[in-house]
C-alpha atoms as a PDB file:
ATOM      1  CA  MET A   1       8.035  46.878  69.545  1.00  0.00           C
ATOM      2  CA  ARG A   2       9.144  50.269  68.465  1.00  0.00           C
ATOM      3  CA  ASP A   3      12.415  50.806  66.586  1.00  0.00           C
ATOM      4  CA  GLU A   4      15.309  52.507  68.694  1.00  0.00           C
ATOM      5  CA  ALA A   5      14.054  56.239  67.978  1.00  0.00           C
ATOM      6  CA  GLY A   6      10.798  55.225  68.819  1.00  0.00           C
ATOM      7  CA  ALA A   7      11.816  53.675  72.209  1.00  0.00           C
ATOM      8  CA  GLU A   8      13.800  56.678  73.225  1.00  0.00           C
ATOM      9  CA  GLU A   9      10.779  58.778  72.813  1.00  0.00           C
ATOM     10  CA  ALA A  10       8.261  56.634  74.399  1.00  0.00           C
ATOM     11  CA  PRO A  11       7.239  56.997  78.061  1.00  0.00           C
ATOM     12  CA  GLN A  12       9.643  54.653  79.906  1.00  0.00           C
ATOM     13  CA  PHE A  13       8.290  51.681  81.860  1.00  0.00           C
ATOM     14  CA  VAL A  14      10.404  49.139  83.814  1.00  0.00           C
ATOM     15  CA  LEU A  15       9.648  45.490  84.859  1.00  0.00           C
ATOM     16  CA  PRO A  16      10.031  44.963  88.623  1.00  0.00           C
ATOM     17  CA  LEU A  17      11.621  41.824  90.188  1.00  0.00           C
ATOM     18  CA  VAL A  18      12.288  41.218  93.807  1.00  0.00           C
ATOM     19  CA  VAL A  19      14.390  38.470  94.942  1.00  0.00           C
ATOM     20  CA  ARG A  20      14.049  37.219  98.466  1.00  0.00           C
ATOM     21  CA  ILE A  21      17.641  37.163 100.310  1.00  0.00           C
ATOM     22  CA  GLU A  22      17.252  36.356 103.813  1.00  0.00           C
ATOM     23  CA  ARG A  23      20.287  36.792 105.979  1.00  0.00           C
ATOM     24  CA  ALA A  24      20.526  33.294 107.264  1.00  0.00           C
ATOM     25  CA  ALA A  25      19.722  31.550 103.887  1.00  0.00           C
ATOM     26  CA  PRO A  26      20.589  33.520 100.743  1.00  0.00           C
ATOM     27  CA  PRO A  27      19.954  31.530  97.511  1.00  0.00           C
ATOM     28  CA  ALA A  28      22.986  30.483  95.343  1.00  0.00           C
ATOM     29  CA  ARG A  29      23.765  32.997  92.540  1.00  0.00           C
ATOM     30  CA  THR A  30      23.074  30.659  89.565  1.00  0.00           C
ATOM     31  CA  ASP A  31      19.899  29.437  91.087  1.00  0.00           C
ATOM     32  CA  ALA A  32      18.602  33.264  91.500  1.00  0.00           C
ATOM     33  CA  LEU A  33      19.581  34.080  87.675  1.00  0.00           C
ATOM     34  CA  GLU A  34      17.685  31.121  86.412  1.00  0.00           C
ATOM     35  CA  THR A  35      14.652  31.716  88.579  1.00  0.00           C
ATOM     36  CA  ALA A  36      14.668  35.414  87.580  1.00  0.00           C
ATOM     37  CA  ALA A  37      14.790  34.198  83.845  1.00  0.00           C
ATOM     38  CA  ARG A  38      11.723  31.988  84.411  1.00  0.00           C
ATOM     39  CA  ALA A  39       9.955  34.639  86.426  1.00  0.00           C
ATOM     40  CA  VAL A  40       9.961  36.832  83.216  1.00  0.00           C
ATOM     41  CA  LEU A  41       8.902  34.042  81.025  1.00  0.00           C
ATOM     42  CA  VAL A  42       6.036  33.086  83.453  1.00  0.00           C
ATOM     43  CA  LEU A  43       4.900  36.838  83.204  1.00  0.00           C
ATOM     44  CA  LEU A  44       4.892  36.966  79.651  1.00  0.00           C
ATOM     45  CA  SER A  45       3.045  33.790  78.932  1.00  0.00           C
ATOM     46  CA  ASP A  46       0.418  34.661  81.815  1.00  0.00           C
ATOM     47  CA  GLU A  47      -3.016  35.205  80.337  1.00  0.00           C
ATOM     48  CA  ARG A  48      -3.237  38.412  82.268  1.00  0.00           C
ATOM     49  CA  ALA A  49      -0.463  39.944  80.032  1.00  0.00           C
ATOM     50  CA  ALA A  50      -2.088  39.229  76.898  1.00  0.00           C
ATOM     51  CA  GLY A  51      -5.059  40.303  74.735  1.00  0.00           C
ATOM     52  CA  GLU A  52      -7.408  42.138  77.239  1.00  0.00           C
ATOM     53  CA  GLY A  53      -6.005  40.818  80.298  1.00  0.00           C
ATOM     54  CA  GLU A  54      -5.410  43.188  83.471  1.00  0.00           C
ATOM     55  CA  TRP A  55      -1.734  43.572  82.950  1.00  0.00           C
ATOM     56  CA  ALA A  56      -1.660  43.515  79.095  1.00  0.00           C
ATOM     57  CA  GLN A  57      -1.715  47.463  78.330  1.00  0.00           C
ATOM     58  CA  ALA A  58       1.205  47.876  80.985  1.00  0.00           C
ATOM     59  CA  VAL A  59       3.207  45.035  79.195  1.00  0.00           C
ATOM     60  CA  ARG A  60       2.497  46.557  75.659  1.00  0.00           C
ATOM     61  CA  ASP A  61       3.648  50.006  76.980  1.00  0.00           C
ATOM     62  CA  TRP A  62       6.508  48.601  78.319  1.00  0.00           C
ATOM     63  CA  GLU A  63       7.474  46.669  75.324  1.00  0.00           C
ATOM     64  CA  ASP A  64       7.026  49.709  73.308  1.00  0.00           C
ATOM     65  CA  SER A  65       9.932  51.583  75.124  1.00  0.00           C
ATOM     66  CA  ARG A  66      13.275  50.059  76.148  1.00  0.00           C
ATOM     67  CA  ILE A  67      13.055  46.731  77.810  1.00  0.00           C
ATOM     68  CA  ARG A  68      14.108  47.666  81.312  1.00  0.00           C
ATOM     69  CA  LYS A  69      14.156  45.399  84.288  1.00  0.00           C
ATOM     70  CA  VAL A  70      15.240  46.287  87.766  1.00  0.00           C
ATOM     71  CA  VAL A  71      15.969  43.757  90.445  1.00  0.00           C
ATOM     72  CA  ARG A  72      15.490  44.621  94.132  1.00  0.00           C
ATOM     73  CA  ARG A  73      15.934  42.515  97.295  1.00  0.00           C
ATOM     74  CA  ALA A  74      13.776  41.797 100.094  1.00  0.00           C
ATOM     75  CA  ARG A  75      13.576  39.806 103.369  1.00  0.00           C
ATOM     76  CA  GLY A  76      11.263  39.423 106.254  1.00  0.00           C
ATOM     77  CA  ALA A  77       8.460  41.820 106.419  1.00  0.00           C
ATOM     78  CA  GLU A  78       9.545  43.437 103.129  1.00  0.00           C
ATOM     79  CA  TRP A  79       9.127  40.254 101.278  1.00  0.00           C
ATOM     80  CA  ARG A  80       5.594  39.794 102.693  1.00  0.00           C
ATOM     81  CA  ARG A  81       4.693  43.378 101.634  1.00  0.00           C
ATOM     82  CA  ALA A  82       5.931  42.582  98.313  1.00  0.00           C
ATOM     83  CA  GLU A  83       4.005  39.385  98.098  1.00  0.00           C
ATOM     84  CA  ALA A  84       0.888  41.259  98.979  1.00  0.00           C
ATOM     85  CA  LEU A  85       1.034  43.198  95.589  1.00  0.00           C
ATOM     86  CA  PRO A  86      -0.205  41.846  92.305  1.00  0.00           C
ATOM     87  CA  GLY A  87       2.505  39.739  90.812  1.00  0.00           C
ATOM     88  CA  ILE A  88       3.826  36.231  90.395  1.00  0.00           C
ATOM     89  CA  THR A  89       6.291  34.382  92.623  1.00  0.00           C
ATOM     90  CA  VAL A  90       8.470  31.799  90.956  1.00  0.00           C
ATOM     91  CA  THR A  91      10.642  29.526  92.942  1.00  0.00           C
ATOM     92  CA  GLY A  92      13.893  27.543  92.152  1.00  0.00           C
ATOM     93  CA  ARG A  93      15.952  25.183  94.129  1.00  0.00           C
ATOM     94  CA  ASP A  94      16.085  27.696  96.945  1.00  0.00           C
ATOM     95  CA  ALA A  95      15.527  31.000  95.197  1.00  0.00           C
ATOM     96  CA  GLU A  96      12.307  32.984  95.189  1.00  0.00           C
ATOM     97  CA  VAL A  97      11.703  35.682  92.813  1.00  0.00           C
ATOM     98  CA  ARG A  98       8.582  37.902  92.472  1.00  0.00           C
ATOM     99  CA  VAL A  99       7.835  39.530  89.281  1.00  0.00           C
ATOM    100  CA  PHE A 100       5.332  42.308  88.782  1.00  0.00           C
ATOM    101  CA  PRO A 101       3.581  43.924  85.946  1.00  0.00           C
ATOM    102  CA  PRO A 102       5.447  46.877  84.507  1.00  0.00           C
ATOM    103  CA  VAL A 103       5.401  50.157  86.012  1.00  0.00           C
ATOM    104  CA  PRO A 104       6.405  53.818  84.860  1.00  0.00           C
ATOM    105  CA  LEU A 105      10.041  54.454  85.432  1.00  0.00           C
ATOM    106  CA  ASP A 106       8.939  56.950  88.136  1.00  0.00           C
ATOM    107  CA  GLY A 107       5.813  55.366  89.332  1.00  0.00           C
ATOM    108  CA  TRP A 108       6.955  52.108  91.406  1.00  0.00           C
ATOM    109  CA  PRO A 109       4.715  51.064  94.160  1.00  0.00           C
ATOM    110  CA  LYS A 110       5.627  52.505  97.695  1.00  0.00           C
ATOM    111  CA  ASP A 111       6.470  49.011  99.088  1.00  0.00           C
ATOM    112  CA  LEU A 112       8.663  48.224  96.126  1.00  0.00           C
ATOM    113  CA  ALA A 113      10.318  51.558  95.808  1.00  0.00           C
ATOM    114  CA  ARG A 114      11.563  51.370  99.263  1.00  0.00           C
ATOM    115  CA  LEU A 115      13.560  48.079  98.624  1.00  0.00           C
ATOM    116  CA  GLN A 116      17.238  48.271  98.025  1.00  0.00           C
ATOM    117  CA  VAL A 117      18.955  47.552  94.676  1.00  0.00           C
ATOM    118  CA  SER A 118      22.206  47.026  96.095  1.00  0.00           C
ATOM    119  CA  GLY A 119      23.136  44.015  98.257  1.00  0.00           C
ATOM    120  CA  THR A 120      22.219  41.299  95.775  1.00  0.00           C
ATOM    121  CA  GLU A 121      25.958  39.812  96.154  1.00  0.00           C
ATOM    122  CA  LEU A 122      25.393  36.152  95.802  1.00  0.00           C
ATOM    123  CA  ASP A 123      27.713  33.307  95.303  1.00  0.00           C
ATOM    124  CA  ASP A 124      27.637  29.624  94.059  1.00  0.00           C
ATOM    125  CA  PRO A 125      28.916  27.322  96.925  1.00  0.00           C
ATOM    126  CA  GLU A 126      29.210  24.504  94.462  1.00  0.00           C
ATOM    127  CA  PRO A 127      30.036  24.210  90.792  1.00  0.00           C
ATOM    128  CA  CYS A 128      26.903  24.255  88.630  1.00  0.00           C
ATOM    129  CA  GLY A 129      27.989  21.748  86.168  1.00  0.00           C
ATOM    130  CA  GLU A 130      27.014  21.247  82.698  1.00  0.00           C
ATOM    131  CA  PRO A 131      23.311  22.015  81.339  1.00  0.00           C
ATOM    132  CA  ALA A 132      21.251  18.925  80.739  1.00  0.00           C
ATOM    133  CA  ALA A 133      21.172  17.712  77.261  1.00  0.00           C
ATOM    134  CA  GLY A 134      18.747  19.631  75.103  1.00  0.00           C
ATOM    135  CA  GLU A 135      18.016  22.210  77.911  1.00  0.00           C
ATOM    136  CA  PRO A 136      17.744  25.989  76.698  1.00  0.00           C
ATOM    137  CA  VAL A 137      20.900  27.832  77.821  1.00  0.00           C
ATOM    138  CA  LEU A 138      21.496  31.590  78.493  1.00  0.00           C
ATOM    139  CA  TRP A 139      25.117  31.916  78.124  1.00  0.00           C
ATOM    140  CA  LEU A 140      26.664  35.161  80.021  1.00  0.00           C
ATOM    141  CA  ASN A 141      29.643  37.051  78.760  1.00  0.00           C
ATOM    142  CA  PRO A 142      32.836  35.677  80.432  1.00  0.00           C
ATOM    143  CA  GLY A 143      34.390  39.267  80.074  1.00  0.00           C
ATOM    144  CA  LEU A 144      31.902  41.145  82.110  1.00  0.00           C
ATOM    145  CA  GLU A 145      31.702  41.535  85.972  1.00  0.00           C
ATOM    146  CA  MET A 146      28.148  42.094  87.141  1.00  0.00           C
ATOM    147  CA  SER A 147      26.384  42.148  90.508  1.00  0.00           C
ATOM    148  CA  ALA A 148      23.903  39.294  91.064  1.00  0.00           C
ATOM    149  CA  GLY A 149      21.099  41.855  90.486  1.00  0.00           C
ATOM    150  CA  LYS A 150      22.349  43.022  87.297  1.00  0.00           C
ATOM    151  CA  ALA A 151      23.186  39.608  86.066  1.00  0.00           C
ATOM    152  CA  MET A 152      19.451  38.610  87.185  1.00  0.00           C
ATOM    153  CA  ALA A 153      18.215  41.368  84.874  1.00  0.00           C
ATOM    154  CA  GLN A 154      20.251  40.455  81.929  1.00  0.00           C
ATOM    155  CA  ALA A 155      19.227  36.637  82.323  1.00  0.00           C
ATOM    156  CA  GLY A 156      15.630  37.906  82.211  1.00  0.00           C
ATOM    157  CA  HIS A 157      16.416  39.730  78.996  1.00  0.00           C
ATOM    158  CA  GLY A 158      17.990  36.698  77.489  1.00  0.00           C
ATOM    159  CA  ALA A 159      14.875  34.585  78.193  1.00  0.00           C
ATOM    160  CA  GLN A 160      12.749  37.367  76.808  1.00  0.00           C
ATOM    161  CA  VAL A 161      14.456  37.480  73.605  1.00  0.00           C
ATOM    162  CA  ALA A 162      14.438  33.706  73.159  1.00  0.00           C
ATOM    163  CA  TRP A 163      10.666  33.947  73.686  1.00  0.00           C
ATOM    164  CA  TRP A 164      10.095  36.571  71.058  1.00  0.00           C
ATOM    165  CA  THR A 165      12.050  34.670  68.690  1.00  0.00           C
ATOM    166  CA  LEU A 166      10.648  31.211  69.061  1.00  0.00           C
ATOM    167  CA  PRO A 167       7.801  29.969  66.819  1.00  0.00           C
ATOM    168  CA  GLU A 168       4.502  29.491  68.546  1.00  0.00           C
ATOM    169  CA  ALA A 169       4.830  25.703  68.825  1.00  0.00           C
ATOM    170  CA  ALA A 170       8.074  25.943  70.634  1.00  0.00           C
ATOM    171  CA  ARG A 171       6.722  28.517  73.025  1.00  0.00           C
ATOM    172  CA  VAL A 172       3.811  26.314  74.162  1.00  0.00           C
ATOM    173  CA  ALA A 173       6.144  23.269  74.503  1.00  0.00           C
ATOM    174  CA  TRP A 174       8.474  25.360  76.674  1.00  0.00           C
ATOM    175  CA  ARG A 175       5.690  26.912  78.867  1.00  0.00           C
ATOM    176  CA  GLU A 176       3.990  23.344  79.235  1.00  0.00           C
ATOM    177  CA  ALA A 177       7.417  21.937  80.466  1.00  0.00           C
ATOM    178  CA  GLY A 178       7.728  24.723  83.119  1.00  0.00           C
ATOM    179  CA  PHE A 179      10.308  26.730  81.404  1.00  0.00           C
ATOM    180  CA  PRO A 180      13.529  24.655  81.956  1.00  0.00           C
ATOM    181  CA  LEU A 181      16.547  26.528  81.217  1.00  0.00           C
ATOM    182  CA  ALA A 182      20.093  26.974  82.522  1.00  0.00           C
ATOM    183  CA  VAL A 183      22.196  30.091  83.034  1.00  0.00           C
ATOM    184  CA  ARG A 184      26.076  29.498  82.442  1.00  0.00           C
ATOM    185  CA  VAL A 185      29.102  31.485  81.915  1.00  0.00           C
ATOM    186  CA  ALA A 186      30.427  31.002  78.537  1.00  0.00           C
ATOM    187  CA  GLU A 187      34.142  29.829  77.975  1.00  0.00           C
ATOM    188  CA  PRO A 188      35.971  32.916  76.816  1.00  0.00           C
ATOM    189  CA  ALA A 189      37.152  30.843  73.632  1.00  0.00           C
ATOM    190  CA  ALA A 190      33.445  30.168  72.611  1.00  0.00           C
ATOM    191  CA  TRP A 191      31.973  33.524  73.381  1.00  0.00           C
ATOM    192  CA  GLU A 192      32.824  35.359  70.002  1.00  0.00           C
ATOM    193  CA  ALA A 193      31.477  32.364  68.147  1.00  0.00           C
ATOM    194  CA  LEU A 194      28.222  32.371  70.151  1.00  0.00           C
ATOM    195  CA  THR A 195      27.502  36.063  69.414  1.00  0.00           C
ATOM    196  CA  ARG A 196      28.185  35.324  65.614  1.00  0.00           C
ATOM    197  CA  SER A 197      25.999  32.423  65.624  1.00  0.00           C
ATOM    198  CA  GLY A 198      22.707  33.949  64.731  1.00  0.00           C
ATOM    199  CA  LEU A 199      21.204  33.229  68.185  1.00  0.00           C
ATOM    200  CA  PRO A 200      19.637  35.981  69.980  1.00  0.00           C
ATOM    201  CA  VAL A 201      22.062  38.414  71.567  1.00  0.00           C
ATOM    202  CA  VAL A 202      21.254  40.894  74.476  1.00  0.00           C
ATOM    203  CA  ARG A 203      23.150  44.246  74.366  1.00  0.00           C
ATOM    204  CA  ASP A 204      22.812  46.460  77.380  1.00  0.00           C
ATOM    205  CA  ALA A 205      21.747  49.883  77.211  1.00  0.00           C
ATOM    206  CA  GLY A 206      24.484  51.070  79.733  1.00  0.00           C
ATOM    207  CA  TYR A 207      22.327  52.621  82.606  1.00  0.00           C
ATOM    208  CA  THR A 208      24.304  50.708  85.343  1.00  0.00           C
ATOM    209  CA  GLU A 209      27.419  48.925  85.847  1.00  0.00           C
ATOM    210  CA  ILE A 210      28.575  48.233  82.277  1.00  0.00           C
ATOM    211  CA  ALA A 211      29.298  50.089  78.855  1.00  0.00           C
ATOM    212  CA  PRO A 212      26.329  50.728  76.477  1.00  0.00           C
ATOM    213  CA  GLY A 213      26.221  48.126  73.712  1.00  0.00           C
ATOM    214  CA  SER A 214      28.061  45.482  75.710  1.00  0.00           C
ATOM    215  CA  CYS A 215      26.809  42.103  74.827  1.00  0.00           C
ATOM    216  CA  THR A 216      25.794  40.347  77.937  1.00  0.00           C
ATOM    217  CA  VAL A 217      23.797  37.165  76.985  1.00  0.00           C
ATOM    218  CA  VAL A 218      23.236  34.890  74.189  1.00  0.00           C
ATOM    219  CA  ALA A 219      20.129  32.633  74.190  1.00  0.00           C
ATOM    220  CA  ASP A 220      20.236  29.277  72.966  1.00  0.00           C
ATOM    221  CA  HIS A 221      17.253  27.299  72.642  1.00  0.00           C
ATOM    222  CA  PRO A 222      17.119  23.898  70.769  1.00  0.00           C
ATOM    223  CA  ALA A 223      14.290  25.223  68.496  1.00  0.00           C
ATOM    224  CA  LEU A 224      16.505  28.242  67.399  1.00  0.00           C
ATOM    225  CA  GLN A 225      19.204  28.040  64.883  1.00  0.00           C
ATOM    226  CA  GLY A 226      22.300  26.646  66.143  1.00  0.00           C
ATOM    227  CA  SER A 227      23.002  24.102  68.869  1.00  0.00           C
ATOM    228  CA  TRP A 228      26.346  24.600  70.930  1.00  0.00           C
ATOM    229  CA  PRO A 229      28.403  22.344  73.026  1.00  0.00           C
ATOM    230  CA  SER A 230      28.877  23.392  76.612  1.00  0.00           C
ATOM    231  CA  PRO A 231      31.349  26.206  76.882  1.00  0.00           C
ATOM    232  CA  VAL A 232      30.847  26.383  80.644  1.00  0.00           C
ATOM    233  CA  ARG A 233      33.468  27.287  83.357  1.00  0.00           C
END
């Protein structure tokens, strides 16, 4: 990746993610966040995104600029048109998220550009409970209010910085296991310690919803330094 100055000067790319939200059966919020995070990992580990793969140059261009992700919603025919474009659909318990190779900031495919960014307000009908023992966790900042779409993008950032930080053997093991992970809101009392733990921290650029430099996610993977108890709420 470039340094911050280089990232500002480089042509800007964005990673599109589309979440399926049907009126009659929207996914739960946490399910959508976890599915978006896994979708980012699936794309990063796909052979088409590496070496001389067909998406590799787009991924390199994106990683050489600011790591931007935008989540849009689709239903019905919109979703079917999105599925017809090159990408990967990842499913959760009920959530479906399709991730696409990076595109120029002003060069979205027509069938994605027309999709709405707003309207991704999702809820958790039931408490999520604690993550499974040994499961990677993306801890969300308890002091920030984010739409589901914004939080999905931040969870994707958290998964990506964890992926970058892991040694190769841990990456392989995580991929072979199907990228298990949990997304949870940290307890306020634990958040400051998490941000100082040495674990990867996501700081938002401030394009939408929250102030620039805000810490949004701490990525806790068992293979990384530190293993925290469960500061969930």
